[in-house]
Amino acid sequence: MIAYLLPIGLLFVSNIFMTFAWYGHLGDMSRPIWLAVLLAWGLAFFEYCLAVPANRIGYSVYTAAELKTLQEVITLIIFAGFAVFWLGEKLTVNHLVGFSLIAAGAFFIFKGPIAA
């Protein structure tokens, strides 16, 4: 059971680091770009320290496609919260429709082969 849940937890935490690495600097554009890059690299290191084990552990129970799908769904969840709470953006109906379509795609990845 831990092999199913641990990768999801690690991917959630790693995505928090990566979202801040990629987009956190947008909350303070006064820093020089070189400093933003260095700070992002520092955060990305911790993201990799979590994402690599998540994928190694997860690959024992998930396919690579399932792991990538989990990653994308988790990324959207983390990013939506980040955009609202850190950047002060509003989510629109278009975002919800787009996220729903991605969730539908995730359903089919985890459902397995469709009988022809």
PDB file of N, CA and C in Angstrom:
ATOM      1  N   MET A   1       0.823  -1.200   0.000  1.00  0.00           N
ATOM      2  CA  MET A   1       0.000   0.000   0.000  1.00  0.00           C
ATOM      3  C   MET A   1       0.863   1.259   0.000  1.00  0.00           C
ATOM      4  N   ILE A   2       1.998   1.209   0.722  1.00  0.00           N
ATOM      5  CA  ILE A   2       2.856   2.391   0.794  1.00  0.00           C
ATOM      6  C   ILE A   2       3.429   2.747  -0.581  1.00  0.00           C
ATOM      7  N   ALA A   3       3.674   1.736  -1.417  1.00  0.00           N
ATOM      8  CA  ALA A   3       4.211   2.000  -2.757  1.00  0.00           C
ATOM      9  C   ALA A   3       3.205   2.746  -3.622  1.00  0.00           C
ATOM     10  N   TYR A   4       1.922   2.637  -3.321  1.00  0.00           N
ATOM     11  CA  TYR A   4       0.899   3.381  -4.054  1.00  0.00           C
ATOM     12  C   TYR A   4       0.778   4.819  -3.561  1.00  0.00           C
ATOM     13  N   LEU A   5       0.889   5.019  -2.254  1.00  0.00           N
ATOM     14  CA  LEU A   5       0.629   6.333  -1.666  1.00  0.00           C
ATOM     15  C   LEU A   5       1.867   7.214  -1.549  1.00  0.00           C
ATOM     16  N   LEU A   6       3.005   6.620  -1.233  1.00  0.00           N
ATOM     17  CA  LEU A   6       4.218   7.419  -1.035  1.00  0.00           C
ATOM     18  C   LEU A   6       4.598   8.230  -2.273  1.00  0.00           C
ATOM     19  N   PRO A   7       4.541   7.652  -3.474  1.00  0.00           N
ATOM     20  CA  PRO A   7       4.878   8.471  -4.649  1.00  0.00           C
ATOM     21  C   PRO A   7       3.954   9.677  -4.823  1.00  0.00           C
ATOM     22  N   ILE A   8       2.693   9.505  -4.507  1.00  0.00           N
ATOM     23  CA  ILE A   8       1.742  10.614  -4.634  1.00  0.00           C
ATOM     24  C   ILE A   8       2.103  11.726  -3.655  1.00  0.00           C
ATOM     25  N   GLY A   9       2.393  11.362  -2.415  1.00  0.00           N
ATOM     26  CA  GLY A   9       2.793  12.355  -1.421  1.00  0.00           C
ATOM     27  C   GLY A   9       4.082  13.058  -1.808  1.00  0.00           C
ATOM     28  N   LEU A  10       5.074  12.277  -2.256  1.00  0.00           N
ATOM     29  CA  LEU A  10       6.343  12.884  -2.678  1.00  0.00           C
ATOM     30  C   LEU A  10       6.156  13.800  -3.880  1.00  0.00           C
ATOM     31  N   LEU A  11       5.301  13.396  -4.818  1.00  0.00           N
ATOM     32  CA  LEU A  11       5.051  14.243  -5.985  1.00  0.00           C
ATOM     33  C   LEU A  11       4.340  15.539  -5.603  1.00  0.00           C
ATOM     34  N   PHE A  12       3.439  15.481  -4.627  1.00  0.00           N
ATOM     35  CA  PHE A  12       2.787  16.713  -4.163  1.00  0.00           C
ATOM     36  C   PHE A  12       3.824  17.692  -3.614  1.00  0.00           C
ATOM     37  N   VAL A  13       4.687  17.205  -2.740  1.00  0.00           N
ATOM     38  CA  VAL A  13       5.690  18.091  -2.130  1.00  0.00           C
ATOM     39  C   VAL A  13       6.692  18.566  -3.180  1.00  0.00           C
ATOM     40  N   SER A  14       7.124  17.667  -4.063  1.00  0.00           N
ATOM     41  CA  SER A  14       8.089  18.078  -5.099  1.00  0.00           C
ATOM     42  C   SER A  14       7.486  19.130  -6.012  1.00  0.00           C
ATOM     43  N   ASN A  15       6.198  19.027  -6.282  1.00  0.00           N
ATOM     44  CA  ASN A  15       5.546  20.015  -7.133  1.00  0.00           C
ATOM     45  C   ASN A  15       5.437  21.381  -6.478  1.00  0.00           C
ATOM     46  N   ILE A  16       5.332  21.407  -5.183  1.00  0.00           N
ATOM     47  CA  ILE A  16       5.343  22.705  -4.496  1.00  0.00           C
ATOM     48  C   ILE A  16       6.686  23.380  -4.725  1.00  0.00           C
ATOM     49  N   PHE A  17       7.766  22.628  -4.552  1.00  0.00           N
ATOM     50  CA  PHE A  17       9.101  23.194  -4.810  1.00  0.00           C
ATOM     51  C   PHE A  17       9.243  23.649  -6.258  1.00  0.00           C
ATOM     52  N   MET A  18       8.819  22.815  -7.199  1.00  0.00           N
ATOM     53  CA  MET A  18       9.019  23.158  -8.596  1.00  0.00           C
ATOM     54  C   MET A  18       8.142  24.322  -9.036  1.00  0.00           C
ATOM     55  N   THR A  19       6.942  24.401  -8.517  1.00  0.00           N
ATOM     56  CA  THR A  19       6.082  25.533  -8.870  1.00  0.00           C
ATOM     57  C   THR A  19       6.704  26.834  -8.391  1.00  0.00           C
ATOM     58  N   PHE A  20       7.246  26.832  -7.188  1.00  0.00           N
ATOM     59  CA  PHE A  20       7.928  28.040  -6.714  1.00  0.00           C
ATOM     60  C   PHE A  20       9.205  28.301  -7.501  1.00  0.00           C
ATOM     61  N   ALA A  21       9.904  27.245  -7.906  1.00  0.00           N
ATOM     62  CA  ALA A  21      11.117  27.432  -8.703  1.00  0.00           C
ATOM     63  C   ALA A  21      10.786  28.069 -10.048  1.00  0.00           C
ATOM     64  N   TRP A  22       9.737  27.600 -10.693  1.00  0.00           N
ATOM     65  CA  TRP A  22       9.403  28.104 -12.025  1.00  0.00           C
ATOM     66  C   TRP A  22       8.657  29.426 -12.001  1.00  0.00           C
ATOM     67  N   TYR A  23       7.763  29.614 -11.032  1.00  0.00           N
ATOM     68  CA  TYR A  23       6.862  30.763 -11.073  1.00  0.00           C
ATOM     69  C   TYR A  23       6.936  31.682  -9.863  1.00  0.00           C
ATOM     70  N   GLY A  24       7.628  31.278  -8.802  1.00  0.00           N
ATOM     71  CA  GLY A  24       7.673  32.092  -7.586  1.00  0.00           C
ATOM     72  C   GLY A  24       8.252  33.469  -7.804  1.00  0.00           C
ATOM     73  N   HIS A  25       9.204  33.582  -8.702  1.00  0.00           N
ATOM     74  CA  HIS A  25       9.839  34.876  -8.977  1.00  0.00           C
ATOM     75  C   HIS A  25       8.874  35.875  -9.586  1.00  0.00           C
ATOM     76  N   LEU A  26       7.756  35.409 -10.132  1.00  0.00           N
ATOM     77  CA  LEU A  26       6.781  36.329 -10.720  1.00  0.00           C
ATOM     78  C   LEU A  26       6.091  37.180  -9.654  1.00  0.00           C
ATOM     79  N   GLY A  27       6.136  36.728  -8.408  1.00  0.00           N
ATOM     80  CA  GLY A  27       5.554  37.496  -7.311  1.00  0.00           C
ATOM     81  C   GLY A  27       6.420  38.674  -6.894  1.00  0.00           C
ATOM     82  N   ASP A  28       7.701  38.694  -7.309  1.00  0.00           N
ATOM     83  CA  ASP A  28       8.614  39.797  -6.993  1.00  0.00           C
ATOM     84  C   ASP A  28       9.546  40.013  -8.182  1.00  0.00           C
ATOM     85  N   MET A  29       9.099  40.810  -9.105  1.00  0.00           N
ATOM     86  CA  MET A  29       9.844  41.042 -10.344  1.00  0.00           C
ATOM     87  C   MET A  29      10.995  42.030 -10.156  1.00  0.00           C
ATOM     88  N   SER A  30      11.208  42.525  -8.928  1.00  0.00           N
ATOM     89  CA  SER A  30      12.270  43.509  -8.695  1.00  0.00           C
ATOM     90  C   SER A  30      13.657  42.862  -8.644  1.00  0.00           C
ATOM     91  N   ARG A  31      13.715  41.548  -8.409  1.00  0.00           N
ATOM     92  CA  ARG A  31      15.015  40.866  -8.353  1.00  0.00           C
ATOM     93  C   ARG A  31      15.604  40.754  -9.756  1.00  0.00           C
ATOM     94  N   PRO A  32      16.921  40.836  -9.863  1.00  0.00           N
ATOM     95  CA  PRO A  32      17.544  40.629 -11.180  1.00  0.00           C
ATOM     96  C   PRO A  32      17.318  39.191 -11.655  1.00  0.00           C
ATOM     97  N   ILE A  33      17.269  39.014 -12.961  1.00  0.00           N
ATOM     98  CA  ILE A  33      16.957  37.698 -13.524  1.00  0.00           C
ATOM     99  C   ILE A  33      17.984  36.645 -13.117  1.00  0.00           C
ATOM    100  N   TRP A  34      19.264  37.027 -13.009  1.00  0.00           N
ATOM    101  CA  TRP A  34      20.295  36.055 -12.635  1.00  0.00           C
ATOM    102  C   TRP A  34      20.045  35.512 -11.237  1.00  0.00           C
ATOM    103  N   LEU A  35      19.543  36.369 -10.345  1.00  0.00           N
ATOM    104  CA  LEU A  35      19.244  35.927  -8.989  1.00  0.00           C
ATOM    105  C   LEU A  35      18.015  35.011  -8.983  1.00  0.00           C
ATOM    106  N   ALA A  36      17.029  35.356  -9.789  1.00  0.00           N
ATOM    107  CA  ALA A  36      15.839  34.506  -9.900  1.00  0.00           C
ATOM    108  C   ALA A  36      16.220  33.116 -10.406  1.00  0.00           C
ATOM    109  N   VAL A  37      17.147  33.062 -11.375  1.00  0.00           N
ATOM    110  CA  VAL A  37      17.597  31.781 -11.916  1.00  0.00           C
ATOM    111  C   VAL A  37      18.314  30.969 -10.839  1.00  0.00           C
ATOM    112  N   LEU A  38      19.213  31.607 -10.096  1.00  0.00           N
ATOM    113  CA  LEU A  38      19.940  30.886  -9.038  1.00  0.00           C
ATOM    114  C   LEU A  38      19.000  30.368  -7.952  1.00  0.00           C
ATOM    115  N   LEU A  39      18.058  31.200  -7.555  1.00  0.00           N
ATOM    116  CA  LEU A  39      17.087  30.765  -6.544  1.00  0.00           C
ATOM    117  C   LEU A  39      16.237  29.616  -7.076  1.00  0.00           C
ATOM    118  N   ALA A  40      15.855  29.702  -8.342  1.00  0.00           N
ATOM    119  CA  ALA A  40      15.051  28.628  -8.941  1.00  0.00           C
ATOM    120  C   ALA A  40      15.842  27.325  -8.989  1.00  0.00           C
ATOM    121  N   TRP A  41      17.103  27.394  -9.337  1.00  0.00           N
ATOM    122  CA  TRP A  41      17.942  26.186  -9.348  1.00  0.00           C
ATOM    123  C   TRP A  41      18.034  25.577  -7.955  1.00  0.00           C
ATOM    124  N   GLY A  42      18.179  26.422  -6.959  1.00  0.00           N
ATOM    125  CA  GLY A  42      18.245  25.920  -5.588  1.00  0.00           C
ATOM    126  C   GLY A  42      16.975  25.193  -5.184  1.00  0.00           C
ATOM    127  N   LEU A  43      15.828  25.754  -5.549  1.00  0.00           N
ATOM    128  CA  LEU A  43      14.555  25.095  -5.246  1.00  0.00           C
ATOM    129  C   LEU A  43      14.382  23.817  -6.063  1.00  0.00           C
ATOM    130  N   ALA A  44      14.817  23.850  -7.316  1.00  0.00           N
ATOM    131  CA  ALA A  44      14.665  22.684  -8.188  1.00  0.00           C
ATOM    132  C   ALA A  44      15.464  21.490  -7.669  1.00  0.00           C
ATOM    133  N   PHE A  45      16.579  21.753  -7.017  1.00  0.00           N
ATOM    134  CA  PHE A  45      17.360  20.655  -6.429  1.00  0.00           C
ATOM    135  C   PHE A  45      16.498  19.844  -5.464  1.00  0.00           C
ATOM    136  N   PHE A  46      15.756  20.524  -4.606  1.00  0.00           N
ATOM    137  CA  PHE A  46      14.922  19.826  -3.633  1.00  0.00           C
ATOM    138  C   PHE A  46      13.757  19.115  -4.328  1.00  0.00           C
ATOM    139  N   GLU A  47      13.275  19.707  -5.405  1.00  0.00           N
ATOM    140  CA  GLU A  47      12.223  19.057  -6.180  1.00  0.00           C
ATOM    141  C   GLU A  47      12.725  17.723  -6.712  1.00  0.00           C
ATOM    142  N   TYR A  48      13.920  17.710  -7.267  1.00  0.00           N
ATOM    143  CA  TYR A  48      14.488  16.479  -7.808  1.00  0.00           C
ATOM    144  C   TYR A  48      14.754  15.450  -6.706  1.00  0.00           C
ATOM    145  N   CYS A  49      15.141  15.911  -5.530  1.00  0.00           N
ATOM    146  CA  CYS A  49      15.383  14.995  -4.412  1.00  0.00           C
ATOM    147  C   CYS A  49      14.108  14.263  -3.999  1.00  0.00           C
ATOM    148  N   LEU A  50      12.960  14.807  -4.347  1.00  0.00           N
ATOM    149  CA  LEU A  50      11.684  14.162  -4.035  1.00  0.00           C
ATOM    150  C   LEU A  50      11.082  13.450  -5.247  1.00  0.00           C
ATOM    151  N   ALA A  51      11.212  14.052  -6.426  1.00  0.00           N
ATOM    152  CA  ALA A  51      10.580  13.493  -7.623  1.00  0.00           C
ATOM    153  C   ALA A  51      11.250  12.199  -8.072  1.00  0.00           C
ATOM    154  N   VAL A  52      12.571  12.144  -7.996  1.00  0.00           N
ATOM    155  CA  VAL A  52      13.271  10.934  -8.440  1.00  0.00           C
ATOM    156  C   VAL A  52      12.881   9.729  -7.578  1.00  0.00           C
ATOM    157  N   PRO A  53      12.923   9.844  -6.243  1.00  0.00           N
ATOM    158  CA  PRO A  53      12.454   8.702  -5.440  1.00  0.00           C
ATOM    159  C   PRO A  53      10.966   8.386  -5.662  1.00  0.00           C
ATOM    160  N   ALA A  54      10.163   9.410  -5.859  1.00  0.00           N
ATOM    161  CA  ALA A  54       8.732   9.177  -6.115  1.00  0.00           C
ATOM    162  C   ALA A  54       8.550   8.301  -7.342  1.00  0.00           C
ATOM    163  N   ASN A  55       9.293   8.608  -8.393  1.00  0.00           N
ATOM    164  CA  ASN A  55       9.175   7.827  -9.624  1.00  0.00           C
ATOM    165  C   ASN A  55       9.788   6.438  -9.486  1.00  0.00           C
ATOM    166  N   ARG A  56      10.892   6.335  -8.765  1.00  0.00           N
ATOM    167  CA  ARG A  56      11.509   5.018  -8.551  1.00  0.00           C
ATOM    168  C   ARG A  56      10.569   4.101  -7.762  1.00  0.00           C
ATOM    169  N   ILE A  57      10.021   4.633  -6.682  1.00  0.00           N
ATOM    170  CA  ILE A  57       9.098   3.844  -5.845  1.00  0.00           C
ATOM    171  C   ILE A  57       7.812   3.566  -6.616  1.00  0.00           C
ATOM    172  N   GLY A  58       7.291   4.591  -7.243  1.00  0.00           N
ATOM    173  CA  GLY A  58       6.023   4.473  -7.955  1.00  0.00           C
ATOM    174  C   GLY A  58       6.063   3.508  -9.123  1.00  0.00           C
ATOM    175  N   TYR A  59       7.225   3.393  -9.769  1.00  0.00           N
ATOM    176  CA  TYR A  59       7.327   2.518 -10.945  1.00  0.00           C
ATOM    177  C   TYR A  59       7.161   1.045 -10.584  1.00  0.00           C
ATOM    178  N   SER A  60       7.230   0.736  -9.304  1.00  0.00           N
ATOM    179  CA  SER A  60       6.993  -0.661  -8.890  1.00  0.00           C
ATOM    180  C   SER A  60       5.505  -1.017  -8.925  1.00  0.00           C
ATOM    181  N   VAL A  61       4.632  -0.007  -8.926  1.00  0.00           N
ATOM    182  CA  VAL A  61       3.185  -0.272  -8.923  1.00  0.00           C
ATOM    183  C   VAL A  61       2.422   0.481 -10.010  1.00  0.00           C
ATOM    184  N   TYR A  62       3.024   1.505 -10.594  1.00  0.00           N
ATOM    185  CA  TYR A  62       2.397   2.279 -11.664  1.00  0.00           C
ATOM    186  C   TYR A  62       3.217   2.123 -12.941  1.00  0.00           C
ATOM    187  N   THR A  63       2.556   2.279 -14.092  1.00  0.00           N
ATOM    188  CA  THR A  63       3.304   2.337 -15.346  1.00  0.00           C
ATOM    189  C   THR A  63       3.910   3.735 -15.475  1.00  0.00           C
ATOM    190  N   ALA A  64       4.832   3.891 -16.406  1.00  0.00           N
ATOM    191  CA  ALA A  64       5.418   5.211 -16.639  1.00  0.00           C
ATOM    192  C   ALA A  64       4.344   6.210 -17.057  1.00  0.00           C
ATOM    193  N   ALA A  65       3.399   5.781 -17.882  1.00  0.00           N
ATOM    194  CA  ALA A  65       2.312   6.673 -18.303  1.00  0.00           C
ATOM    195  C   ALA A  65       1.442   7.090 -17.118  1.00  0.00           C
ATOM    196  N   GLU A  66       1.204   6.155 -16.210  1.00  0.00           N
ATOM    197  CA  GLU A  66       0.416   6.495 -15.021  1.00  0.00           C
ATOM    198  C   GLU A  66       1.171   7.473 -14.123  1.00  0.00           C
ATOM    199  N   LEU A  67       2.478   7.268 -13.959  1.00  0.00           N
ATOM    200  CA  LEU A  67       3.277   8.201 -13.155  1.00  0.00           C
ATOM    201  C   LEU A  67       3.264   9.592 -13.757  1.00  0.00           C
ATOM    202  N   LYS A  68       3.419   9.688 -15.069  1.00  0.00           N
ATOM    203  CA  LYS A  68       3.407  10.995 -15.732  1.00  0.00           C
ATOM    204  C   LYS A  68       2.043  11.649 -15.594  1.00  0.00           C
ATOM    205  N   THR A  69       0.991  10.856 -15.687  1.00  0.00           N
ATOM    206  CA  THR A  69      -0.365  11.390 -15.528  1.00  0.00           C
ATOM    207  C   THR A  69      -0.582  11.897 -14.112  1.00  0.00           C
ATOM    208  N   LEU A  70      -0.145  11.126 -13.119  1.00  0.00           N
ATOM    209  CA  LEU A  70      -0.222  11.595 -11.729  1.00  0.00           C
ATOM    210  C   LEU A  70       0.505  12.919 -11.576  1.00  0.00           C
ATOM    211  N   GLN A  71       1.701  12.988 -12.143  1.00  0.00           N
ATOM    212  CA  GLN A  71       2.513  14.218 -12.071  1.00  0.00           C
ATOM    213  C   GLN A  71       1.749  15.408 -12.634  1.00  0.00           C
ATOM    214  N   GLU A  72       1.131  15.234 -13.790  1.00  0.00           N
ATOM    215  CA  GLU A  72       0.430  16.349 -14.437  1.00  0.00           C
ATOM    216  C   GLU A  72      -0.799  16.782 -13.649  1.00  0.00           C
ATOM    217  N   VAL A  73      -1.557  15.829 -13.148  1.00  0.00           N
ATOM    218  CA  VAL A  73      -2.751  16.168 -12.361  1.00  0.00           C
ATOM    219  C   VAL A  73      -2.344  16.885 -11.072  1.00  0.00           C
ATOM    220  N   ILE A  74      -1.320  16.365 -10.403  1.00  0.00           N
ATOM    221  CA  ILE A  74      -0.830  17.013  -9.180  1.00  0.00           C
ATOM    222  C   ILE A  74      -0.310  18.412  -9.496  1.00  0.00           C
ATOM    223  N   THR A  75       0.410  18.548 -10.597  1.00  0.00           N
ATOM    224  CA  THR A  75       0.923  19.858 -11.003  1.00  0.00           C
ATOM    225  C   THR A  75      -0.209  20.863 -11.174  1.00  0.00           C
ATOM    226  N   LEU A  76      -1.288  20.448 -11.810  1.00  0.00           N
ATOM    227  CA  LEU A  76      -2.419  21.360 -12.000  1.00  0.00           C
ATOM    228  C   LEU A  76      -3.059  21.767 -10.681  1.00  0.00           C
ATOM    229  N   ILE A  77      -3.186  20.824  -9.777  1.00  0.00           N
ATOM    230  CA  ILE A  77      -3.770  21.132  -8.466  1.00  0.00           C
ATOM    231  C   ILE A  77      -2.891  22.142  -7.728  1.00  0.00           C
ATOM    232  N   ILE A  78      -1.586  21.865  -7.678  1.00  0.00           N
ATOM    233  CA  ILE A  78      -0.659  22.760  -6.982  1.00  0.00           C
ATOM    234  C   ILE A  78      -0.635  24.113  -7.669  1.00  0.00           C
ATOM    235  N   PHE A  79      -0.552  24.118  -9.001  1.00  0.00           N
ATOM    236  CA  PHE A  79      -0.448  25.381  -9.717  1.00  0.00           C
ATOM    237  C   PHE A  79      -1.717  26.228  -9.567  1.00  0.00           C
ATOM    238  N   ALA A  80      -2.873  25.602  -9.580  1.00  0.00           N
ATOM    239  CA  ALA A  80      -4.117  26.360  -9.422  1.00  0.00           C
ATOM    240  C   ALA A  80      -4.120  27.085  -8.074  1.00  0.00           C
ATOM    241  N   GLY A  81      -3.754  26.373  -7.012  1.00  0.00           N
ATOM    242  CA  GLY A  81      -3.678  27.021  -5.696  1.00  0.00           C
ATOM    243  C   GLY A  81      -2.620  28.105  -5.657  1.00  0.00           C
ATOM    244  N   PHE A  82      -1.473  27.846  -6.264  1.00  0.00           N
ATOM    245  CA  PHE A  82      -0.390  28.824  -6.317  1.00  0.00           C
ATOM    246  C   PHE A  82      -0.826  30.090  -7.053  1.00  0.00           C
ATOM    247  N   ALA A  83      -1.473  29.915  -8.204  1.00  0.00           N
ATOM    248  CA  ALA A  83      -1.898  31.063  -9.002  1.00  0.00           C
ATOM    249  C   ALA A  83      -2.885  31.938  -8.225  1.00  0.00           C
ATOM    250  N   VAL A  84      -3.763  31.298  -7.486  1.00  0.00           N
ATOM    251  CA  VAL A  84      -4.764  32.047  -6.719  1.00  0.00           C
ATOM    252  C   VAL A  84      -4.141  32.700  -5.488  1.00  0.00           C
ATOM    253  N   PHE A  85      -3.406  31.919  -4.698  1.00  0.00           N
ATOM    254  CA  PHE A  85      -2.948  32.415  -3.400  1.00  0.00           C
ATOM    255  C   PHE A  85      -1.622  33.169  -3.450  1.00  0.00           C
ATOM    256  N   TRP A  86      -0.720  32.837  -4.366  1.00  0.00           N
ATOM    257  CA  TRP A  86       0.573  33.513  -4.430  1.00  0.00           C
ATOM    258  C   TRP A  86       0.557  34.666  -5.425  1.00  0.00           C
ATOM    259  N   LEU A  87      -0.017  34.405  -6.601  1.00  0.00           N
ATOM    260  CA  LEU A  87      -0.005  35.423  -7.655  1.00  0.00           C
ATOM    261  C   LEU A  87      -1.269  36.277  -7.667  1.00  0.00           C
ATOM    262  N   GLY A  88      -2.283  35.871  -6.915  1.00  0.00           N
ATOM    263  CA  GLY A  88      -3.514  36.655  -6.842  1.00  0.00           C
ATOM    264  C   GLY A  88      -4.361  36.584  -8.105  1.00  0.00           C
ATOM    265  N   GLU A  89      -4.185  35.534  -8.899  1.00  0.00           N
ATOM    266  CA  GLU A  89      -4.984  35.389 -10.114  1.00  0.00           C
ATOM    267  C   GLU A  89      -6.308  34.723  -9.794  1.00  0.00           C
ATOM    268  N   LYS A  90      -7.252  34.892 -10.692  1.00  0.00           N
ATOM    269  CA  LYS A  90      -8.564  34.280 -10.517  1.00  0.00           C
ATOM    270  C   LYS A  90      -8.695  33.097 -11.478  1.00  0.00           C
ATOM    271  N   LEU A  91      -9.272  32.015 -10.980  1.00  0.00           N
ATOM    272  CA  LEU A  91      -9.578  30.890 -11.858  1.00  0.00           C
ATOM    273  C   LEU A  91     -10.912  31.161 -12.536  1.00  0.00           C
ATOM    274  N   THR A  92     -10.980  30.860 -13.817  1.00  0.00           N
ATOM    275  CA  THR A  92     -12.200  31.103 -14.583  1.00  0.00           C
ATOM    276  C   THR A  92     -12.843  29.776 -14.968  1.00  0.00           C
ATOM    277  N   VAL A  93     -13.992  29.867 -15.570  1.00  0.00           N
ATOM    278  CA  VAL A  93     -14.682  28.679 -16.061  1.00  0.00           C
ATOM    279  C   VAL A  93     -13.815  27.984 -17.111  1.00  0.00           C
ATOM    280  N   ASN A  94     -13.109  28.749 -17.926  1.00  0.00           N
ATOM    281  CA  ASN A  94     -12.220  28.151 -18.935  1.00  0.00           C
ATOM    282  C   ASN A  94     -11.168  27.268 -18.279  1.00  0.00           C
ATOM    283  N   HIS A  95     -10.599  27.719 -17.162  1.00  0.00           N
ATOM    284  CA  HIS A  95      -9.625  26.903 -16.442  1.00  0.00           C
ATOM    285  C   HIS A  95     -10.265  25.604 -15.970  1.00  0.00           C
ATOM    286  N   LEU A  96     -11.446  25.713 -15.392  1.00  0.00           N
ATOM    287  CA  LEU A  96     -12.131  24.519 -14.876  1.00  0.00           C
ATOM    288  C   LEU A  96     -12.469  23.541 -15.996  1.00  0.00           C
ATOM    289  N   VAL A  97     -12.891  24.049 -17.146  1.00  0.00           N
ATOM    290  CA  VAL A  97     -13.179  23.173 -18.287  1.00  0.00           C
ATOM    291  C   VAL A  97     -11.891  22.480 -18.734  1.00  0.00           C
ATOM    292  N   GLY A  98     -10.815  23.245 -18.871  1.00  0.00           N
ATOM    293  CA  GLY A  98      -9.539  22.671 -19.284  1.00  0.00           C
ATOM    294  C   GLY A  98      -9.045  21.628 -18.295  1.00  0.00           C
ATOM    295  N   PHE A  99      -9.105  21.931 -17.011  1.00  0.00           N
ATOM    296  CA  PHE A  99      -8.679  20.983 -15.990  1.00  0.00           C
ATOM    297  C   PHE A  99      -9.554  19.725 -16.020  1.00  0.00           C
ATOM    298  N   SER A 100     -10.836  19.904 -16.263  1.00  0.00           N
ATOM    299  CA  SER A 100     -11.750  18.752 -16.336  1.00  0.00           C
ATOM    300  C   SER A 100     -11.397  17.841 -17.510  1.00  0.00           C
ATOM    301  N   LEU A 101     -11.031  18.433 -18.634  1.00  0.00           N
ATOM    302  CA  LEU A 101     -10.634  17.620 -19.790  1.00  0.00           C
ATOM    303  C   LEU A 101      -9.355  16.835 -19.503  1.00  0.00           C
ATOM    304  N   ILE A 102      -8.439  17.464 -18.793  1.00  0.00           N
ATOM    305  CA  ILE A 102      -7.212  16.759 -18.407  1.00  0.00           C
ATOM    306  C   ILE A 102      -7.549  15.622 -17.439  1.00  0.00           C
ATOM    307  N   ALA A 103      -8.466  15.875 -16.513  1.00  0.00           N
ATOM    308  CA  ALA A 103      -8.898  14.827 -15.580  1.00  0.00           C
ATOM    309  C   ALA A 103      -9.555  13.669 -16.342  1.00  0.00           C
ATOM    310  N   ALA A 104     -10.318  13.986 -17.386  1.00  0.00           N
ATOM    311  CA  ALA A 104     -10.920  12.929 -18.201  1.00  0.00           C
ATOM    312  C   ALA A 104      -9.830  12.093 -18.872  1.00  0.00           C
ATOM    313  N   GLY A 105      -8.786  12.751 -19.362  1.00  0.00           N
ATOM    314  CA  GLY A 105      -7.662  12.027 -19.946  1.00  0.00           C
ATOM    315  C   GLY A 105      -6.996  11.123 -18.920  1.00  0.00           C
ATOM    316  N   ALA A 106      -6.841  11.618 -17.697  1.00  0.00           N
ATOM    317  CA  ALA A 106      -6.245  10.819 -16.626  1.00  0.00           C
ATOM    318  C   ALA A 106      -7.097   9.585 -16.346  1.00  0.00           C
ATOM    319  N   PHE A 107      -8.396   9.745 -16.379  1.00  0.00           N
ATOM    320  CA  PHE A 107      -9.306   8.602 -16.175  1.00  0.00           C
ATOM    321  C   PHE A 107      -8.982   7.481 -17.167  1.00  0.00           C
ATOM    322  N   PHE A 108      -8.818   7.849 -18.431  1.00  0.00           N
ATOM    323  CA  PHE A 108      -8.569   6.832 -19.450  1.00  0.00           C
ATOM    324  C   PHE A 108      -7.198   6.191 -19.330  1.00  0.00           C
ATOM    325  N   ILE A 109      -6.206   6.953 -18.846  1.00  0.00           N
ATOM    326  CA  ILE A 109      -4.874   6.376 -18.621  1.00  0.00           C
ATOM    327  C   ILE A 109      -4.959   5.291 -17.546  1.00  0.00           C
ATOM    328  N   PHE A 110      -5.687   5.557 -16.477  1.00  0.00           N
ATOM    329  CA  PHE A 110      -5.772   4.614 -15.365  1.00  0.00           C
ATOM    330  C   PHE A 110      -6.801   3.506 -15.587  1.00  0.00           C
ATOM    331  N   LYS A 111      -7.734   3.717 -16.491  1.00  0.00           N
ATOM    332  CA  LYS A 111      -8.760   2.712 -16.765  1.00  0.00           C
ATOM    333  C   LYS A 111      -8.177   1.472 -17.412  1.00  0.00           C
ATOM    334  N   GLY A 112      -7.136   1.637 -18.183  1.00  0.00           N
ATOM    335  CA  GLY A 112      -6.556   0.501 -18.892  1.00  0.00           C
ATOM    336  C   GLY A 112      -7.083   0.436 -20.309  1.00  0.00           C
ATOM    337  N   PRO A 113      -6.682  -0.585 -21.027  1.00  0.00           N
ATOM    338  CA  PRO A 113      -7.062  -0.684 -22.435  1.00  0.00           C
ATOM    339  C   PRO A 113      -8.590  -0.760 -22.604  1.00  0.00           C
ATOM    340  N   ILE A 114      -9.056  -0.070 -23.623  1.00  0.00           N
ATOM    341  CA  ILE A 114     -10.472  -0.127 -23.992  1.00  0.00           C
ATOM    342  C   ILE A 114     -10.612  -1.271 -24.997  1.00  0.00           C
ATOM    343  N   ALA A 115     -11.544  -2.152 -24.709  1.00  0.00           N
ATOM    344  CA  ALA A 115     -11.762  -3.306 -25.592  1.00  0.00           C
ATOM    345  C   ALA A 115     -12.284  -2.817 -26.944  1.00  0.00           C
ATOM    346  N   ALA A 116     -11.721  -3.353 -28.003  1.00  0.00           N
ATOM    347  CA  ALA A 116     -12.124  -2.934 -29.349  1.00  0.00           C
ATOM    348  C   ALA A 116     -13.239  -3.802 -29.873  1.00  0.00           C
TER     349      ALA A 116
END
